[in-house]
Amino acid sequence: MVVANAGPEVATGVQVADTLPAALTILSATATRGAFDAAGRVWTVGDLGVDEADTLRIRAEVTDGTPGTISNIARALQLLLQVDPAPGNDAAEATLTVS
């Protein structure tokens, strides 16, 4: 996943929650900045300057072999004492098909 700051100000204390479904088991997580807490499912990015972006790659295994669709949603957590001029772009969803 990618988190980016389009401005107009520096975003401080950025965190992203990833609601990985129970059907997935995290094998590893690598971030270009900050740290990912696999137990809490929160990526603490830190500060993001205007037009900066960082990436978190999560490698997971499907533990429920039932065929179907698995949906994963990641959402930027609300920043304290900061106004987000575009709150509608604070979440993203990815879908995985298990066959």
PDB file of N, CA and C in Angstrom:
ATOM      1  N   MET A   1       0.840  -1.157   0.000  1.00  0.00           N
ATOM      2  CA  MET A   1       0.000   0.000   0.000  1.00  0.00           C
ATOM      3  C   MET A   1       0.889   1.224   0.000  1.00  0.00           C
ATOM      4  N   VAL A   2       0.343   2.313  -0.504  1.00  0.00           N
ATOM      5  CA  VAL A   2       1.080   3.577  -0.576  1.00  0.00           C
ATOM      6  C   VAL A   2       0.288   4.630   0.178  1.00  0.00           C
ATOM      7  N   VAL A   3       0.980   5.397   1.006  1.00  0.00           N
ATOM      8  CA  VAL A   3       0.382   6.548   1.656  1.00  0.00           C
ATOM      9  C   VAL A   3       1.093   7.779   1.113  1.00  0.00           C
ATOM     10  N   ALA A   4       0.322   8.801   0.758  1.00  0.00           N
ATOM     11  CA  ALA A   4       0.900  10.005   0.165  1.00  0.00           C
ATOM     12  C   ALA A   4       0.256  11.241   0.770  1.00  0.00           C
ATOM     13  N   ASN A   5       1.009  12.334   0.768  1.00  0.00           N
ATOM     14  CA  ASN A   5       0.507  13.607   1.256  1.00  0.00           C
ATOM     15  C   ASN A   5       0.507  14.601   0.103  1.00  0.00           C
ATOM     16  N   ALA A   6      -0.680  14.987  -0.345  1.00  0.00           N
ATOM     17  CA  ALA A   6      -0.810  15.953  -1.436  1.00  0.00           C
ATOM     18  C   ALA A   6      -0.794  17.393  -0.933  1.00  0.00           C
ATOM     19  N   GLY A   7      -0.632  17.586   0.381  1.00  0.00           N
ATOM     20  CA  GLY A   7      -0.537  18.929   0.934  1.00  0.00           C
ATOM     21  C   GLY A   7      -1.889  19.454   1.348  1.00  0.00           C
ATOM     22  N   PRO A   8      -1.971  20.665   1.699  1.00  0.00           N
ATOM     23  CA  PRO A   8      -1.001  21.736   1.480  1.00  0.00           C
ATOM     24  C   PRO A   8       0.038  21.877   2.595  1.00  0.00           C
ATOM     25  N   GLU A   9      -0.068  21.079   3.668  1.00  0.00           N
ATOM     26  CA  GLU A   9       0.850  21.167   4.804  1.00  0.00           C
ATOM     27  C   GLU A   9       1.523  19.816   5.045  1.00  0.00           C
ATOM     28  N   VAL A  10       2.594  19.818   5.825  1.00  0.00           N
ATOM     29  CA  VAL A  10       3.226  18.576   6.269  1.00  0.00           C
ATOM     30  C   VAL A  10       2.223  17.827   7.142  1.00  0.00           C
ATOM     31  N   ALA A  11       2.093  16.537   6.943  1.00  0.00           N
ATOM     32  CA  ALA A  11       1.233  15.695   7.776  1.00  0.00           C
ATOM     33  C   ALA A  11       2.123  15.056   8.846  1.00  0.00           C
ATOM     34  N   THR A  12       1.803  15.276  10.101  1.00  0.00           N
ATOM     35  CA  THR A  12       2.633  14.747  11.189  1.00  0.00           C
ATOM     36  C   THR A  12       1.935  13.589  11.880  1.00  0.00           C
ATOM     37  N   GLY A  13       2.726  12.636  12.323  1.00  0.00           N
ATOM     38  CA  GLY A  13       2.186  11.499  13.061  1.00  0.00           C
ATOM     39  C   GLY A  13       1.262  10.619  12.248  1.00  0.00           C
ATOM     40  N   VAL A  14       1.569  10.418  10.976  1.00  0.00           N
ATOM     41  CA  VAL A  14       0.699   9.645  10.087  1.00  0.00           C
ATOM     42  C   VAL A  14       0.675   8.169  10.499  1.00  0.00           C
ATOM     43  N   GLN A  15      -0.532   7.615  10.563  1.00  0.00           N
ATOM     44  CA  GLN A  15      -0.732   6.197  10.836  1.00  0.00           C
ATOM     45  C   GLN A  15      -1.783   5.657   9.879  1.00  0.00           C
ATOM     46  N   VAL A  16      -1.598   4.410   9.463  1.00  0.00           N
ATOM     47  CA  VAL A  16      -2.542   3.742   8.570  1.00  0.00           C
ATOM     48  C   VAL A  16      -2.944   2.424   9.212  1.00  0.00           C
ATOM     49  N   ALA A  17      -4.253   2.201   9.334  1.00  0.00           N
ATOM     50  CA  ALA A  17      -4.779   0.936   9.857  1.00  0.00           C
ATOM     51  C   ALA A  17      -5.125   0.043   8.679  1.00  0.00           C
ATOM     52  N   ASP A  18      -4.709  -1.213   8.754  1.00  0.00           N
ATOM     53  CA  ASP A  18      -5.000  -2.181   7.693  1.00  0.00           C
ATOM     54  C   ASP A  18      -5.792  -3.328   8.296  1.00  0.00           C
ATOM     55  N   THR A  19      -7.038  -3.459   7.878  1.00  0.00           N
ATOM     56  CA  THR A  19      -7.918  -4.482   8.439  1.00  0.00           C
ATOM     57  C   THR A  19      -7.796  -5.789   7.660  1.00  0.00           C
ATOM     58  N   LEU A  20      -6.616  -6.365   7.676  1.00  0.00           N
ATOM     59  CA  LEU A  20      -6.438  -7.648   6.992  1.00  0.00           C
ATOM     60  C   LEU A  20      -7.440  -8.658   7.533  1.00  0.00           C
ATOM     61  N   PRO A  21      -8.148  -9.341   6.664  1.00  0.00           N
ATOM     62  CA  PRO A  21      -9.151 -10.315   7.099  1.00  0.00           C
ATOM     63  C   PRO A  21      -8.521 -11.495   7.831  1.00  0.00           C
ATOM     64  N   ALA A  22      -9.345 -12.165   8.621  1.00  0.00           N
ATOM     65  CA  ALA A  22      -8.890 -13.323   9.384  1.00  0.00           C
ATOM     66  C   ALA A  22      -8.395 -14.446   8.480  1.00  0.00           C
ATOM     67  N   ALA A  23      -8.825 -14.471   7.225  1.00  0.00           N
ATOM     68  CA  ALA A  23      -8.407 -15.526   6.290  1.00  0.00           C
ATOM     69  C   ALA A  23      -6.961 -15.365   5.845  1.00  0.00           C
ATOM     70  N   LEU A  24      -6.305 -14.251   6.232  1.00  0.00           N
ATOM     71  CA  LEU A  24      -4.918 -14.013   5.858  1.00  0.00           C
ATOM     72  C   LEU A  24      -4.020 -14.001   7.091  1.00  0.00           C
ATOM     73  N   THR A  25      -2.868 -14.642   6.972  1.00  0.00           N
ATOM     74  CA  THR A  25      -1.855 -14.621   8.021  1.00  0.00           C
ATOM     75  C   THR A  25      -0.647 -13.861   7.502  1.00  0.00           C
ATOM     76  N   ILE A  26      -0.228 -12.838   8.242  1.00  0.00           N
ATOM     77  CA  ILE A  26       0.918 -12.034   7.827  1.00  0.00           C
ATOM     78  C   ILE A  26       2.196 -12.842   7.965  1.00  0.00           C
ATOM     79  N   LEU A  27       2.966 -12.891   6.899  1.00  0.00           N
ATOM     80  CA  LEU A  27       4.264 -13.564   6.914  1.00  0.00           C
ATOM     81  C   LEU A  27       5.392 -12.557   7.131  1.00  0.00           C
ATOM     82  N   SER A  28       5.266 -11.373   6.517  1.00  0.00           N
ATOM     83  CA  SER A  28       6.277 -10.330   6.690  1.00  0.00           C
ATOM     84  C   SER A  28       5.695  -8.992   6.259  1.00  0.00           C
ATOM     85  N   ALA A  29       6.342  -7.914   6.706  1.00  0.00           N
ATOM     86  CA  ALA A  29       5.936  -6.562   6.314  1.00  0.00           C
ATOM     87  C   ALA A  29       7.182  -5.701   6.223  1.00  0.00           C
ATOM     88  N   THR A  30       7.285  -4.942   5.136  1.00  0.00           N
ATOM     89  CA  THR A  30       8.429  -4.067   4.910  1.00  0.00           C
ATOM     90  C   THR A  30       7.916  -2.680   4.544  1.00  0.00           C
ATOM     91  N   ALA A  31       8.405  -1.677   5.267  1.00  0.00           N
ATOM     92  CA  ALA A  31       7.983  -0.297   5.020  1.00  0.00           C
ATOM     93  C   ALA A  31       9.182   0.542   4.600  1.00  0.00           C
ATOM     94  N   THR A  32       8.925   1.503   3.693  1.00  0.00           N
ATOM     95  CA  THR A  32       9.993   2.421   3.296  1.00  0.00           C
ATOM     96  C   THR A  32      10.253   3.445   4.391  1.00  0.00           C
ATOM     97  N   ARG A  33       9.282   3.626   5.298  1.00  0.00           N
ATOM     98  CA  ARG A  33       9.447   4.529   6.435  1.00  0.00           C
ATOM     99  C   ARG A  33       8.556   4.042   7.556  1.00  0.00           C
ATOM    100  N   GLY A  34       9.009   4.187   8.766  1.00  0.00           N
ATOM    101  CA  GLY A  34       8.198   3.827   9.917  1.00  0.00           C
ATOM    102  C   GLY A  34       8.206   2.334  10.184  1.00  0.00           C
ATOM    103  N   ALA A  35       7.199   1.879  10.911  1.00  0.00           N
ATOM    104  CA  ALA A  35       7.132   0.474  11.318  1.00  0.00           C
ATOM    105  C   ALA A  35       5.681  -0.002  11.280  1.00  0.00           C
ATOM    106  N   PHE A  36       5.511  -1.297  10.989  1.00  0.00           N
ATOM    107  CA  PHE A  36       4.196  -1.920  10.951  1.00  0.00           C
ATOM    108  C   PHE A  36       4.057  -2.834  12.150  1.00  0.00           C
ATOM    109  N   ASP A  37       2.996  -2.643  12.926  1.00  0.00           N
ATOM    110  CA  ASP A  37       2.674  -3.499  14.060  1.00  0.00           C
ATOM    111  C   ASP A  37       1.684  -4.551  13.571  1.00  0.00           C
ATOM    112  N   ALA A  38       2.184  -5.759  13.335  1.00  0.00           N
ATOM    113  CA  ALA A  38       1.355  -6.823  12.768  1.00  0.00           C
ATOM    114  C   ALA A  38       0.200  -7.196  13.699  1.00  0.00           C
ATOM    115  N   ALA A  39       0.434  -7.166  15.007  1.00  0.00           N
ATOM    116  CA  ALA A  39      -0.625  -7.529  15.947  1.00  0.00           C
ATOM    117  C   ALA A  39      -1.741  -6.493  15.947  1.00  0.00           C
ATOM    118  N   GLY A  40      -1.380  -5.222  15.933  1.00  0.00           N
ATOM    119  CA  GLY A  40      -2.374  -4.161  15.957  1.00  0.00           C
ATOM    120  C   GLY A  40      -2.853  -3.750  14.578  1.00  0.00           C
ATOM    121  N   ARG A  41      -2.151  -4.238  13.545  1.00  0.00           N
ATOM    122  CA  ARG A  41      -2.480  -3.926  12.143  1.00  0.00           C
ATOM    123  C   ARG A  41      -2.398  -2.425  11.851  1.00  0.00           C
ATOM    124  N   VAL A  42      -1.396  -1.748  12.454  1.00  0.00           N
ATOM    125  CA  VAL A  42      -1.226  -0.314  12.239  1.00  0.00           C
ATOM    126  C   VAL A  42       0.192  -0.027  11.761  1.00  0.00           C
ATOM    127  N   TRP A  43       0.279   0.740  10.689  1.00  0.00           N
ATOM    128  CA  TRP A  43       1.562   1.204  10.150  1.00  0.00           C
ATOM    129  C   TRP A  43       1.769   2.623  10.660  1.00  0.00           C
ATOM    130  N   THR A  44       2.783   2.828  11.486  1.00  0.00           N
ATOM    131  CA  THR A  44       3.133   4.149  11.974  1.00  0.00           C
ATOM    132  C   THR A  44       4.178   4.710  11.025  1.00  0.00           C
ATOM    133  N   VAL A  45       3.774   5.664  10.213  1.00  0.00           N
ATOM    134  CA  VAL A  45       4.630   6.223   9.173  1.00  0.00           C
ATOM    135  C   VAL A  45       5.497   7.343   9.731  1.00  0.00           C
ATOM    136  N   GLY A  46       4.904   8.202  10.533  1.00  0.00           N
ATOM    137  CA  GLY A  46       5.611   9.387  11.026  1.00  0.00           C
ATOM    138  C   GLY A  46       5.164  10.599  10.225  1.00  0.00           C
ATOM    139  N   ASP A  47       6.090  11.508   9.969  1.00  0.00           N
ATOM    140  CA  ASP A  47       5.751  12.736   9.246  1.00  0.00           C
ATOM    141  C   ASP A  47       5.917  12.550   7.744  1.00  0.00           C
ATOM    142  N   LEU A  48       4.988  13.129   6.993  1.00  0.00           N
ATOM    143  CA  LEU A  48       5.034  13.095   5.528  1.00  0.00           C
ATOM    144  C   LEU A  48       4.997  14.529   5.014  1.00  0.00           C
ATOM    145  N   GLY A  49       6.047  14.925   4.312  1.00  0.00           N
ATOM    146  CA  GLY A  49       6.080  16.253   3.714  1.00  0.00           C
ATOM    147  C   GLY A  49       5.125  16.344   2.533  1.00  0.00           C
ATOM    148  N   VAL A  50       4.885  17.540   2.084  1.00  0.00           N
ATOM    149  CA  VAL A  50       4.023  17.755   0.924  1.00  0.00           C
ATOM    150  C   VAL A  50       4.611  17.029  -0.282  1.00  0.00           C
ATOM    151  N   ASP A  51       3.789  16.290  -0.993  1.00  0.00           N
ATOM    152  CA  ASP A  51       4.148  15.502  -2.174  1.00  0.00           C
ATOM    153  C   ASP A  51       5.070  14.325  -1.864  1.00  0.00           C
ATOM    154  N   GLU A  52       5.181  13.931  -0.614  1.00  0.00           N
ATOM    155  CA  GLU A  52       5.942  12.731  -0.262  1.00  0.00           C
ATOM    156  C   GLU A  52       5.009  11.526  -0.212  1.00  0.00           C
ATOM    157  N   ALA A  53       5.589  10.347  -0.449  1.00  0.00           N
ATOM    158  CA  ALA A  53       4.826   9.096  -0.380  1.00  0.00           C
ATOM    159  C   ALA A  53       5.718   8.001   0.179  1.00  0.00           C
ATOM    160  N   ASP A  54       5.126   7.052   0.853  1.00  0.00           N
ATOM    161  CA  ASP A  54       5.847   5.889   1.368  1.00  0.00           C
ATOM    162  C   ASP A  54       5.016   4.640   1.122  1.00  0.00           C
ATOM    163  N   THR A  55       5.706   3.501   1.144  1.00  0.00           N
ATOM    164  CA  THR A  55       5.079   2.233   0.780  1.00  0.00           C
ATOM    165  C   THR A  55       5.244   1.196   1.885  1.00  0.00           C
ATOM    166  N   LEU A  56       4.195   0.414   2.105  1.00  0.00           N
ATOM    167  CA  LEU A  56       4.227  -0.743   2.994  1.00  0.00           C
ATOM    168  C   LEU A  56       3.850  -1.959   2.162  1.00  0.00           C
ATOM    169  N   ARG A  57       4.703  -2.948   2.174  1.00  0.00           N
ATOM    170  CA  ARG A  57       4.411  -4.208   1.483  1.00  0.00           C
ATOM    171  C   ARG A  57       4.183  -5.290   2.538  1.00  0.00           C
ATOM    172  N   ILE A  58       3.007  -5.895   2.471  1.00  0.00           N
ATOM    173  CA  ILE A  58       2.656  -6.974   3.395  1.00  0.00           C
ATOM    174  C   ILE A  58       2.590  -8.262   2.603  1.00  0.00           C
ATOM    175  N   ARG A  59       3.340  -9.247   3.051  1.00  0.00           N
ATOM    176  CA  ARG A  59       3.282 -10.586   2.444  1.00  0.00           C
ATOM    177  C   ARG A  59       2.441 -11.446   3.372  1.00  0.00           C
ATOM    178  N   ALA A  60       1.375 -12.028   2.818  1.00  0.00           N
ATOM    179  CA  ALA A  60       0.455 -12.807   3.641  1.00  0.00           C
ATOM    180  C   ALA A  60       0.111 -14.119   2.954  1.00  0.00           C
ATOM    181  N   GLU A  61      -0.340 -15.052   3.769  1.00  0.00           N
ATOM    182  CA  GLU A  61      -0.742 -16.367   3.282  1.00  0.00           C
ATOM    183  C   GLU A  61      -2.235 -16.547   3.530  1.00  0.00           C
ATOM    184  N   VAL A  62      -2.916 -17.119   2.547  1.00  0.00           N
ATOM    185  CA  VAL A  62      -4.334 -17.422   2.724  1.00  0.00           C
ATOM    186  C   VAL A  62      -4.428 -18.682   3.572  1.00  0.00           C
ATOM    187  N   THR A  63      -5.037 -18.545   4.766  1.00  0.00           N
ATOM    188  CA  THR A  63      -5.131 -19.680   5.674  1.00  0.00           C
ATOM    189  C   THR A  63      -6.479 -20.373   5.590  1.00  0.00           C
ATOM    190  N   ASP A  64      -7.452 -19.696   5.015  1.00  0.00           N
ATOM    191  CA  ASP A  64      -8.760 -20.292   4.794  1.00  0.00           C
ATOM    192  C   ASP A  64      -8.840 -20.605   3.305  1.00  0.00           C
ATOM    193  N   GLY A  65      -8.706 -21.851   2.940  1.00  0.00           N
ATOM    194  CA  GLY A  65      -8.638 -22.246   1.539  1.00  0.00           C
ATOM    195  C   GLY A  65      -9.954 -22.244   0.801  1.00  0.00           C
ATOM    196  N   THR A  66     -10.995 -21.731   1.416  1.00  0.00           N
ATOM    197  CA  THR A  66     -12.298 -21.692   0.768  1.00  0.00           C
ATOM    198  C   THR A  66     -12.259 -20.754  -0.432  1.00  0.00           C
ATOM    199  N   PRO A  67     -12.640 -21.238  -1.618  1.00  0.00           N
ATOM    200  CA  PRO A  67     -12.663 -20.351  -2.786  1.00  0.00           C
ATOM    201  C   PRO A  67     -13.610 -19.176  -2.567  1.00  0.00           C
ATOM    202  N   GLY A  68     -13.235 -18.046  -3.121  1.00  0.00           N
ATOM    203  CA  GLY A  68     -14.079 -16.863  -3.006  1.00  0.00           C
ATOM    204  C   GLY A  68     -13.250 -15.597  -3.070  1.00  0.00           C
ATOM    205  N   THR A  69     -13.820 -14.527  -2.572  1.00  0.00           N
ATOM    206  CA  THR A  69     -13.179 -13.226  -2.631  1.00  0.00           C
ATOM    207  C   THR A  69     -12.829 -12.755  -1.227  1.00  0.00           C
ATOM    208  N   ILE A  70     -11.617 -12.235  -1.078  1.00  0.00           N
ATOM    209  CA  ILE A  70     -11.174 -11.652   0.186  1.00  0.00           C
ATOM    210  C   ILE A  70     -10.944 -10.169  -0.072  1.00  0.00           C
ATOM    211  N   SER A  71     -11.532  -9.346   0.771  1.00  0.00           N
ATOM    212  CA  SER A  71     -11.399  -7.897   0.622  1.00  0.00           C
ATOM    213  C   SER A  71     -10.548  -7.347   1.759  1.00  0.00           C
ATOM    214  N   ASN A  72      -9.646  -6.438   1.422  1.00  0.00           N
ATOM    215  CA  ASN A  72      -8.777  -5.815   2.415  1.00  0.00           C
ATOM    216  C   ASN A  72      -8.911  -4.296   2.302  1.00  0.00           C
ATOM    217  N   ILE A  73      -9.108  -3.645   3.448  1.00  0.00           N
ATOM    218  CA  ILE A  73      -9.265  -2.191   3.471  1.00  0.00           C
ATOM    219  C   ILE A  73      -8.192  -1.577   4.357  1.00  0.00           C
ATOM    220  N   ALA A  74      -7.545  -0.543   3.836  1.00  0.00           N
ATOM    221  CA  ALA A  74      -6.579   0.238   4.617  1.00  0.00           C
ATOM    222  C   ALA A  74      -7.109   1.663   4.701  1.00  0.00           C
ATOM    223  N   ARG A  75      -6.946   2.273   5.875  1.00  0.00           N
ATOM    224  CA  ARG A  75      -7.493   3.611   6.092  1.00  0.00           C
ATOM    225  C   ARG A  75      -6.502   4.436   6.918  1.00  0.00           C
ATOM    226  N   ALA A  76      -6.249   5.663   6.459  1.00  0.00           N
ATOM    227  CA  ALA A  76      -5.426   6.591   7.223  1.00  0.00           C
ATOM    228  C   ALA A  76      -6.198   6.989   8.478  1.00  0.00           C
ATOM    229  N   LEU A  77      -5.527   6.922   9.620  1.00  0.00           N
ATOM    230  CA  LEU A  77      -6.176   7.321  10.860  1.00  0.00           C
ATOM    231  C   LEU A  77      -6.187   8.841  10.956  1.00  0.00           C
ATOM    232  N   GLN A  78      -7.183   9.376  11.602  1.00  0.00           N
ATOM    233  CA  GLN A  78      -7.339  10.829  11.691  1.00  0.00           C
ATOM    234  C   GLN A  78      -6.150  11.450  12.416  1.00  0.00           C
ATOM    235  N   LEU A  79      -5.612  12.508  11.837  1.00  0.00           N
ATOM    236  CA  LEU A  79      -4.496  13.228  12.436  1.00  0.00           C
ATOM    237  C   LEU A  79      -5.034  14.204  13.468  1.00  0.00           C
ATOM    238  N   LEU A  80      -4.389  14.235  14.629  1.00  0.00           N
ATOM    239  CA  LEU A  80      -4.811  15.143  15.681  1.00  0.00           C
ATOM    240  C   LEU A  80      -4.387  16.567  15.354  1.00  0.00           C
ATOM    241  N   LEU A  81      -5.275  17.489  15.585  1.00  0.00           N
ATOM    242  CA  LEU A  81      -5.007  18.917  15.414  1.00  0.00           C
ATOM    243  C   LEU A  81      -4.594  19.296  14.000  1.00  0.00           C
ATOM    244  N   GLN A  82      -4.981  18.483  13.010  1.00  0.00           N
ATOM    245  CA  GLN A  82      -4.682  18.796  11.618  1.00  0.00           C
ATOM    246  C   GLN A  82      -5.964  18.644  10.801  1.00  0.00           C
ATOM    247  N   VAL A  83      -6.129  19.518   9.843  1.00  0.00           N
ATOM    248  CA  VAL A  83      -7.294  19.461   8.969  1.00  0.00           C
ATOM    249  C   VAL A  83      -6.883  18.796   7.665  1.00  0.00           C
ATOM    250  N   ASP A  84      -7.638  17.788   7.263  1.00  0.00           N
ATOM    251  CA  ASP A  84      -7.391  17.108   5.995  1.00  0.00           C
ATOM    252  C   ASP A  84      -8.317  17.726   4.953  1.00  0.00           C
ATOM    253  N   PRO A  85      -7.757  18.440   3.962  1.00  0.00           N
ATOM    254  CA  PRO A  85      -8.621  19.091   2.973  1.00  0.00           C
ATOM    255  C   PRO A  85      -9.315  18.116   2.024  1.00  0.00           C
ATOM    256  N   ALA A  86      -8.898  16.848   2.002  1.00  0.00           N
ATOM    257  CA  ALA A  86      -9.513  15.851   1.111  1.00  0.00           C
ATOM    258  C   ALA A  86      -9.715  14.534   1.861  1.00  0.00           C
ATOM    259  N   PRO A  87     -10.601  14.498   2.863  1.00  0.00           N
ATOM    260  CA  PRO A  87     -10.771  13.275   3.658  1.00  0.00           C
ATOM    261  C   PRO A  87     -11.364  12.110   2.873  1.00  0.00           C
ATOM    262  N   GLY A  88     -11.914  12.375   1.710  1.00  0.00           N
ATOM    263  CA  GLY A  88     -12.504  11.311   0.906  1.00  0.00           C
ATOM    264  C   GLY A  88     -11.496  10.358   0.293  1.00  0.00           C
ATOM    265  N   ASN A  89     -10.205  10.701   0.343  1.00  0.00           N
ATOM    266  CA  ASN A  89      -9.194   9.817  -0.240  1.00  0.00           C
ATOM    267  C   ASN A  89      -8.340   9.136   0.826  1.00  0.00           C
ATOM    268  N   ASP A  90      -8.899   8.968   2.015  1.00  0.00           N
ATOM    269  CA  ASP A  90      -8.137   8.409   3.137  1.00  0.00           C
ATOM    270  C   ASP A  90      -8.246   6.895   3.278  1.00  0.00           C
ATOM    271  N   ALA A  91      -8.896   6.228   2.334  1.00  0.00           N
ATOM    272  CA  ALA A  91      -9.047   4.779   2.416  1.00  0.00           C
ATOM    273  C   ALA A  91      -8.939   4.157   1.033  1.00  0.00           C
ATOM    274  N   ALA A  92      -8.529   2.892   1.015  1.00  0.00           N
ATOM    275  CA  ALA A  92      -8.441   2.144  -0.232  1.00  0.00           C
ATOM    276  C   ALA A  92      -8.776   0.689   0.049  1.00  0.00           C
ATOM    277  N   GLU A  93      -9.296   0.022  -0.979  1.00  0.00           N
ATOM    278  CA  GLU A  93      -9.670  -1.381  -0.844  1.00  0.00           C
ATOM    279  C   GLU A  93      -9.042  -2.191  -1.958  1.00  0.00           C
ATOM    280  N   ALA A  94      -8.572  -3.373  -1.595  1.00  0.00           N
ATOM    281  CA  ALA A  94      -8.036  -4.306  -2.582  1.00  0.00           C
ATOM    282  C   ALA A  94      -8.802  -5.622  -2.434  1.00  0.00           C
ATOM    283  N   THR A  95      -9.030  -6.280  -3.551  1.00  0.00           N
ATOM    284  CA  THR A  95      -9.759  -7.539  -3.543  1.00  0.00           C
ATOM    285  C   THR A  95      -8.877  -8.652  -4.106  1.00  0.00           C
ATOM    286  N   LEU A  96      -8.905  -9.797  -3.437  1.00  0.00           N
ATOM    287  CA  LEU A  96      -8.116 -10.957  -3.802  1.00  0.00           C
ATOM    288  C   LEU A  96      -9.071 -12.109  -4.050  1.00  0.00           C
ATOM    289  N   THR A  97      -8.896 -12.807  -5.169  1.00  0.00           N
ATOM    290  CA  THR A  97      -9.739 -13.957  -5.472  1.00  0.00           C
ATOM    291  C   THR A  97      -8.991 -15.246  -5.165  1.00  0.00           C
ATOM    292  N   VAL A  98      -9.598 -16.093  -4.342  1.00  0.00           N
ATOM    293  CA  VAL A  98      -9.037 -17.391  -3.973  1.00  0.00           C
ATOM    294  C   VAL A  98      -9.769 -18.468  -4.771  1.00  0.00           C
ATOM    295  N   SER A  99      -8.996 -19.275  -5.501  1.00  0.00           N
ATOM    296  CA  SER A  99      -9.655 -20.316  -6.291  1.00  0.00           C
ATOM    297  C   SER A  99      -9.100 -21.693  -5.953  1.00  0.00           C
TER     298      SER A  99
END
